[in-house]
Amino acid sequence: MISLYRFGHEGNEVSCEGIAQWAGVSVGMVIKSANRAMEAVFSRHDTAIRWVSEEEKEETKSWVDLDFA
């Protein structure tokens, strides 16, 4: 939750000190949790993160309503 909170906010809300106080942990724990979350994401980079193919883009366009009027 600490990492998700940090990644989901910006500006003054995302200071390590503020998050530490919100979560009731140390500033070091806030930093460590974010680092470990990113390590987990990066460790799956080659298998889970990739660019979308043109075919996938077209398939998605078929069900997304682009009428903003």
PDB file of N, CA and C in Angstrom:
ATOM      1  N   MET A   1       0.813  -1.187   0.000  1.00  0.00           N
ATOM      2  CA  MET A   1       0.000   0.000   0.000  1.00  0.00           C
ATOM      3  C   MET A   1       0.863   1.259   0.000  1.00  0.00           C
ATOM      4  N   ILE A   2       1.983   1.197   0.672  1.00  0.00           N
ATOM      5  CA  ILE A   2       2.858   2.364   0.733  1.00  0.00           C
ATOM      6  C   ILE A   2       3.327   2.743  -0.667  1.00  0.00           C
ATOM      7  N   SER A   3       3.786   1.760  -1.431  1.00  0.00           N
ATOM      8  CA  SER A   3       4.268   2.039  -2.787  1.00  0.00           C
ATOM      9  C   SER A   3       3.137   2.502  -3.682  1.00  0.00           C
ATOM     10  N   LEU A   4       1.995   1.855  -3.612  1.00  0.00           N
ATOM     11  CA  LEU A   4       0.858   2.257  -4.437  1.00  0.00           C
ATOM     12  C   LEU A   4       0.422   3.679  -4.102  1.00  0.00           C
ATOM     13  N   TYR A   5       0.405   4.011  -2.827  1.00  0.00           N
ATOM     14  CA  TYR A   5       0.057   5.370  -2.414  1.00  0.00           C
ATOM     15  C   TYR A   5       1.056   6.364  -3.001  1.00  0.00           C
ATOM     16  N   ARG A   6       2.333   6.019  -2.904  1.00  0.00           N
ATOM     17  CA  ARG A   6       3.373   6.919  -3.401  1.00  0.00           C
ATOM     18  C   ARG A   6       3.285   7.081  -4.912  1.00  0.00           C
ATOM     19  N   PHE A   7       3.074   5.983  -5.640  1.00  0.00           N
ATOM     20  CA  PHE A   7       3.015   6.049  -7.098  1.00  0.00           C
ATOM     21  C   PHE A   7       1.743   6.740  -7.578  1.00  0.00           C
ATOM     22  N   GLY A   8       0.706   6.732  -6.771  1.00  0.00           N
ATOM     23  CA  GLY A   8      -0.571   7.281  -7.188  1.00  0.00           C
ATOM     24  C   GLY A   8      -0.798   8.736  -6.828  1.00  0.00           C
ATOM     25  N   HIS A   9       0.179   9.383  -6.220  1.00  0.00           N
ATOM     26  CA  HIS A   9       0.025  10.779  -5.827  1.00  0.00           C
ATOM     27  C   HIS A   9       1.169  11.607  -6.380  1.00  0.00           C
ATOM     28  N   GLU A  10       1.005  12.902  -6.347  1.00  0.00           N
ATOM     29  CA  GLU A  10       2.060  13.796  -6.823  1.00  0.00           C
ATOM     30  C   GLU A  10       2.104  15.047  -5.964  1.00  0.00           C
ATOM     31  N   GLY A  11       3.123  15.833  -6.159  1.00  0.00           N
ATOM     32  CA  GLY A  11       3.256  17.085  -5.417  1.00  0.00           C
ATOM     33  C   GLY A  11       3.623  16.865  -3.962  1.00  0.00           C
ATOM     34  N   ASN A  12       3.096  17.729  -3.093  1.00  0.00           N
ATOM     35  CA  ASN A  12       3.431  17.675  -1.675  1.00  0.00           C
ATOM     36  C   ASN A  12       2.953  16.396  -1.002  1.00  0.00           C
ATOM     37  N   GLU A  13       1.906  15.778  -1.550  1.00  0.00           N
ATOM     38  CA  GLU A  13       1.370  14.557  -0.940  1.00  0.00           C
ATOM     39  C   GLU A  13       2.345  13.390  -0.991  1.00  0.00           C
ATOM     40  N   VAL A  14       3.323  13.444  -1.886  1.00  0.00           N
ATOM     41  CA  VAL A  14       4.174  12.288  -2.118  1.00  0.00           C
ATOM     42  C   VAL A  14       5.522  12.359  -1.393  1.00  0.00           C
ATOM     43  N   SER A  15       5.679  13.307  -0.487  1.00  0.00           N
ATOM     44  CA  SER A  15       6.943  13.373   0.248  1.00  0.00           C
ATOM     45  C   SER A  15       7.095  12.113   1.099  1.00  0.00           C
ATOM     46  N   CYS A  16       8.325  11.648   1.193  1.00  0.00           N
ATOM     47  CA  CYS A  16       8.587  10.436   1.978  1.00  0.00           C
ATOM     48  C   CYS A  16       8.176  10.633   3.431  1.00  0.00           C
ATOM     49  N   GLU A  17       8.406  11.832   3.939  1.00  0.00           N
ATOM     50  CA  GLU A  17       8.044  12.110   5.324  1.00  0.00           C
ATOM     51  C   GLU A  17       6.527  12.056   5.518  1.00  0.00           C
ATOM     52  N   GLY A  18       5.780  12.634   4.582  1.00  0.00           N
ATOM     53  CA  GLY A  18       4.323  12.617   4.673  1.00  0.00           C
ATOM     54  C   GLY A  18       3.746  11.220   4.572  1.00  0.00           C
ATOM     55  N   ILE A  19       4.297  10.429   3.666  1.00  0.00           N
ATOM     56  CA  ILE A  19       3.819   9.052   3.509  1.00  0.00           C
ATOM     57  C   ILE A  19       4.175   8.224   4.735  1.00  0.00           C
ATOM     58  N   ALA A  20       5.369   8.440   5.275  1.00  0.00           N
ATOM     59  CA  ALA A  20       5.785   7.712   6.475  1.00  0.00           C
ATOM     60  C   ALA A  20       4.832   8.008   7.628  1.00  0.00           C
ATOM     61  N   GLN A  21       4.462   9.260   7.763  1.00  0.00           N
ATOM     62  CA  GLN A  21       3.535   9.628   8.834  1.00  0.00           C
ATOM     63  C   GLN A  21       2.160   9.006   8.577  1.00  0.00           C
ATOM     64  N   TRP A  22       1.686   9.054   7.328  1.00  0.00           N
ATOM     65  CA  TRP A  22       0.392   8.468   6.962  1.00  0.00           C
ATOM     66  C   TRP A  22       0.358   6.970   7.255  1.00  0.00           C
ATOM     67  N   ALA A  23       1.466   6.269   6.923  1.00  0.00           N
ATOM     68  CA  ALA A  23       1.501   4.816   7.069  1.00  0.00           C
ATOM     69  C   ALA A  23       1.977   4.364   8.445  1.00  0.00           C
ATOM     70  N   GLY A  24       2.532   5.267   9.222  1.00  0.00           N
ATOM     71  CA  GLY A  24       3.038   4.895  10.547  1.00  0.00           C
ATOM     72  C   GLY A  24       4.325   4.093  10.484  1.00  0.00           C
ATOM     73  N   VAL A  25       5.172   4.416   9.500  1.00  0.00           N
ATOM     74  CA  VAL A  25       6.454   3.722   9.339  1.00  0.00           C
ATOM     75  C   VAL A  25       7.562   4.761   9.215  1.00  0.00           C
ATOM     76  N   SER A  26       8.794   4.291   9.092  1.00  0.00           N
ATOM     77  CA  SER A  26       9.921   5.210   8.938  1.00  0.00           C
ATOM     78  C   SER A  26      10.050   5.664   7.483  1.00  0.00           C
ATOM     79  N   VAL A  27      10.785   6.743   7.286  1.00  0.00           N
ATOM     80  CA  VAL A  27      11.056   7.241   5.938  1.00  0.00           C
ATOM     81  C   VAL A  27      11.824   6.185   5.142  1.00  0.00           C
ATOM     82  N   GLY A  28      12.743   5.508   5.795  1.00  0.00           N
ATOM     83  CA  GLY A  28      13.513   4.444   5.136  1.00  0.00           C
ATOM     84  C   GLY A  28      12.622   3.338   4.602  1.00  0.00           C
ATOM     85  N   MET A  29      11.586   3.005   5.349  1.00  0.00           N
ATOM     86  CA  MET A  29      10.645   1.974   4.904  1.00  0.00           C
ATOM     87  C   MET A  29       9.890   2.411   3.655  1.00  0.00           C
ATOM     88  N   VAL A  30       9.542   3.688   3.583  1.00  0.00           N
ATOM     89  CA  VAL A  30       8.856   4.224   2.403  1.00  0.00           C
ATOM     90  C   VAL A  30       9.765   4.082   1.184  1.00  0.00           C
ATOM     91  N   ILE A  31      11.006   4.463   1.324  1.00  0.00           N
ATOM     92  CA  ILE A  31      11.961   4.381   0.221  1.00  0.00           C
ATOM     93  C   ILE A  31      12.197   2.930  -0.179  1.00  0.00           C
ATOM     94  N   LYS A  32      12.394   2.061   0.817  1.00  0.00           N
ATOM     95  CA  LYS A  32      12.638   0.644   0.541  1.00  0.00           C
ATOM     96  C   LYS A  32      11.452  -0.014  -0.162  1.00  0.00           C
ATOM     97  N   SER A  33      10.254   0.304   0.265  1.00  0.00           N
ATOM     98  CA  SER A  33       9.084  -0.333  -0.335  1.00  0.00           C
ATOM     99  C   SER A  33       8.925   0.075  -1.792  1.00  0.00           C
ATOM    100  N   ALA A  34       9.194   1.349  -2.099  1.00  0.00           N
ATOM    101  CA  ALA A  34       9.116   1.808  -3.492  1.00  0.00           C
ATOM    102  C   ALA A  34      10.204   1.142  -4.332  1.00  0.00           C
ATOM    103  N   ASN A  35      11.404   1.059  -3.796  1.00  0.00           N
ATOM    104  CA  ASN A  35      12.495   0.404  -4.523  1.00  0.00           C
ATOM    105  C   ASN A  35      12.182  -1.056  -4.800  1.00  0.00           C
ATOM    106  N   ARG A  36      11.667  -1.758  -3.811  1.00  0.00           N
ATOM    107  CA  ARG A  36      11.350  -3.176  -3.998  1.00  0.00           C
ATOM    108  C   ARG A  36      10.196  -3.386  -4.969  1.00  0.00           C
ATOM    109  N   ALA A  37       9.229  -2.483  -4.939  1.00  0.00           N
ATOM    110  CA  ALA A  37       8.123  -2.584  -5.896  1.00  0.00           C
ATOM    111  C   ALA A  37       8.644  -2.406  -7.317  1.00  0.00           C
ATOM    112  N   MET A  38       9.536  -1.451  -7.527  1.00  0.00           N
ATOM    113  CA  MET A  38      10.095  -1.239  -8.860  1.00  0.00           C
ATOM    114  C   MET A  38      10.998  -2.392  -9.279  1.00  0.00           C
ATOM    115  N   GLU A  39      11.735  -2.973  -8.349  1.00  0.00           N
ATOM    116  CA  GLU A  39      12.547  -4.155  -8.664  1.00  0.00           C
ATOM    117  C   GLU A  39      11.658  -5.291  -9.147  1.00  0.00           C
ATOM    118  N   ALA A  40      10.508  -5.458  -8.510  1.00  0.00           N
ATOM    119  CA  ALA A  40       9.574  -6.509  -8.914  1.00  0.00           C
ATOM    120  C   ALA A  40       9.044  -6.255 -10.322  1.00  0.00           C
ATOM    121  N   VAL A  41       8.711  -5.016 -10.617  1.00  0.00           N
ATOM    122  CA  VAL A  41       8.222  -4.672 -11.959  1.00  0.00           C
ATOM    123  C   VAL A  41       9.326  -4.896 -12.990  1.00  0.00           C
ATOM    124  N   PHE A  42      10.515  -4.402 -12.714  1.00  0.00           N
ATOM    125  CA  PHE A  42      11.617  -4.544 -13.662  1.00  0.00           C
ATOM    126  C   PHE A  42      12.029  -6.000 -13.871  1.00  0.00           C
ATOM    127  N   SER A  43      11.878  -6.830 -12.854  1.00  0.00           N
ATOM    128  CA  SER A  43      12.264  -8.239 -12.998  1.00  0.00           C
ATOM    129  C   SER A  43      11.355  -8.964 -13.983  1.00  0.00           C
ATOM    130  N   ARG A  44      10.150  -8.444 -14.206  1.00  0.00           N
ATOM    131  CA  ARG A  44       9.205  -9.045 -15.148  1.00  0.00           C
ATOM    132  C   ARG A  44       9.186  -8.314 -16.486  1.00  0.00           C
ATOM    133  N   HIS A  45      10.080  -7.366 -16.660  1.00  0.00           N
ATOM    134  CA  HIS A  45      10.057  -6.497 -17.834  1.00  0.00           C
ATOM    135  C   HIS A  45       9.991  -7.262 -19.151  1.00  0.00           C
ATOM    136  N   ASP A  46      10.861  -8.222 -19.346  1.00  0.00           N
ATOM    137  CA  ASP A  46      10.934  -8.908 -20.637  1.00  0.00           C
ATOM    138  C   ASP A  46       9.749  -9.819 -20.911  1.00  0.00           C
ATOM    139  N   THR A  47       9.024 -10.227 -19.877  1.00  0.00           N
ATOM    140  CA  THR A  47       7.895 -11.127 -20.093  1.00  0.00           C
ATOM    141  C   THR A  47       6.545 -10.445 -19.958  1.00  0.00           C
ATOM    142  N   ALA A  48       6.477  -9.347 -19.241  1.00  0.00           N
ATOM    143  CA  ALA A  48       5.171  -8.746 -18.953  1.00  0.00           C
ATOM    144  C   ALA A  48       4.977  -7.359 -19.560  1.00  0.00           C
ATOM    145  N   ILE A  49       6.046  -6.706 -19.955  1.00  0.00           N
ATOM    146  CA  ILE A  49       5.932  -5.344 -20.468  1.00  0.00           C
ATOM    147  C   ILE A  49       6.398  -5.339 -21.921  1.00  0.00           C
ATOM    148  N   ARG A  50       5.518  -4.865 -22.798  1.00  0.00           N
ATOM    149  CA  ARG A  50       5.877  -4.803 -24.211  1.00  0.00           C
ATOM    150  C   ARG A  50       5.014  -3.767 -24.905  1.00  0.00           C
ATOM    151  N   TRP A  51       5.421  -3.352 -26.092  1.00  0.00           N
ATOM    152  CA  TRP A  51       4.630  -2.439 -26.899  1.00  0.00           C
ATOM    153  C   TRP A  51       3.445  -3.191 -27.481  1.00  0.00           C
ATOM    154  N   VAL A  52       2.372  -2.490 -27.694  1.00  0.00           N
ATOM    155  CA  VAL A  52       1.171  -3.085 -28.265  1.00  0.00           C
ATOM    156  C   VAL A  52       1.353  -3.191 -29.778  1.00  0.00           C
ATOM    157  N   SER A  53       0.904  -4.296 -30.362  1.00  0.00           N
ATOM    158  CA  SER A  53       1.008  -4.459 -31.814  1.00  0.00           C
ATOM    159  C   SER A  53      -0.068  -3.629 -32.509  1.00  0.00           C
ATOM    160  N   GLU A  54       0.111  -3.398 -33.791  1.00  0.00           N
ATOM    161  CA  GLU A  54      -0.883  -2.655 -34.569  1.00  0.00           C
ATOM    162  C   GLU A  54      -2.225  -3.383 -34.549  1.00  0.00           C
ATOM    163  N   GLU A  55      -2.185  -4.692 -34.601  1.00  0.00           N
ATOM    164  CA  GLU A  55      -3.412  -5.494 -34.561  1.00  0.00           C
ATOM    165  C   GLU A  55      -4.158  -5.295 -33.241  1.00  0.00           C
ATOM    166  N   GLU A  56      -3.421  -5.282 -32.134  1.00  0.00           N
ATOM    167  CA  GLU A  56      -4.031  -5.060 -30.825  1.00  0.00           C
ATOM    168  C   GLU A  56      -4.612  -3.653 -30.713  1.00  0.00           C
ATOM    169  N   LYS A  57      -3.939  -2.678 -31.303  1.00  0.00           N
ATOM    170  CA  LYS A  57      -4.457  -1.308 -31.294  1.00  0.00           C
ATOM    171  C   LYS A  57      -5.796  -1.244 -32.020  1.00  0.00           C
ATOM    172  N   GLU A  58      -5.848  -1.862 -33.192  1.00  0.00           N
ATOM    173  CA  GLU A  58      -7.083  -1.843 -33.974  1.00  0.00           C
ATOM    174  C   GLU A  58      -8.207  -2.576 -33.252  1.00  0.00           C
ATOM    175  N   GLU A  59      -7.882  -3.694 -32.613  1.00  0.00           N
ATOM    176  CA  GLU A  59      -8.887  -4.453 -31.857  1.00  0.00           C
ATOM    177  C   GLU A  59      -9.448  -3.615 -30.715  1.00  0.00           C
ATOM    178  N   THR A  60      -8.580  -2.891 -30.028  1.00  0.00           N
ATOM    179  CA  THR A  60      -9.016  -2.046 -28.923  1.00  0.00           C
ATOM    180  C   THR A  60      -9.891  -0.906 -29.421  1.00  0.00           C
ATOM    181  N   LYS A  61      -9.508  -0.315 -30.547  1.00  0.00           N
ATOM    182  CA  LYS A  61     -10.303   0.778 -31.112  1.00  0.00           C
ATOM    183  C   LYS A  61     -11.723   0.337 -31.418  1.00  0.00           C
ATOM    184  N   SER A  62     -11.904  -0.947 -31.731  1.00  0.00           N
ATOM    185  CA  SER A  62     -13.224  -1.432 -32.110  1.00  0.00           C
ATOM    186  C   SER A  62     -14.209  -1.409 -30.937  1.00  0.00           C
ATOM    187  N   TRP A  63     -13.753  -1.485 -29.711  1.00  0.00           N
ATOM    188  CA  TRP A  63     -14.676  -1.483 -28.577  1.00  0.00           C
ATOM    189  C   TRP A  63     -14.603  -0.227 -27.717  1.00  0.00           C
ATOM    190  N   VAL A  64     -13.688   0.693 -28.039  1.00  0.00           N
ATOM    191  CA  VAL A  64     -13.580   1.940 -27.286  1.00  0.00           C
ATOM    192  C   VAL A  64     -14.426   2.997 -27.991  1.00  0.00           C
ATOM    193  N   ASP A  65     -15.294   3.645 -27.245  1.00  0.00           N
ATOM    194  CA  ASP A  65     -16.159   4.695 -27.778  1.00  0.00           C
ATOM    195  C   ASP A  65     -15.362   5.992 -27.842  1.00  0.00           C
ATOM    196  N   LEU A  66     -15.093   6.468 -29.056  1.00  0.00           N
ATOM    197  CA  LEU A  66     -14.304   7.688 -29.229  1.00  0.00           C
ATOM    198  C   LEU A  66     -15.188   8.911 -29.439  1.00  0.00           C
ATOM    199  N   ASP A  67     -16.474   8.794 -29.225  1.00  0.00           N
ATOM    200  CA  ASP A  67     -17.400   9.911 -29.399  1.00  0.00           C
ATOM    201  C   ASP A  67     -17.470  10.700 -28.094  1.00  0.00           C
ATOM    202  N   PHE A  68     -16.759  11.820 -28.040  1.00  0.00           N
ATOM    203  CA  PHE A  68     -16.685  12.630 -26.819  1.00  0.00           C
ATOM    204  C   PHE A  68     -17.725  13.728 -26.786  1.00  0.00           C
ATOM    205  N   ALA A  69     -18.568  13.804 -27.780  1.00  0.00           N
ATOM    206  CA  ALA A  69     -19.555  14.888 -27.861  1.00  0.00           C
ATOM    207  C   ALA A  69     -20.669  14.750 -26.870  1.00  0.00           C
TER     208      ALA A  69
END
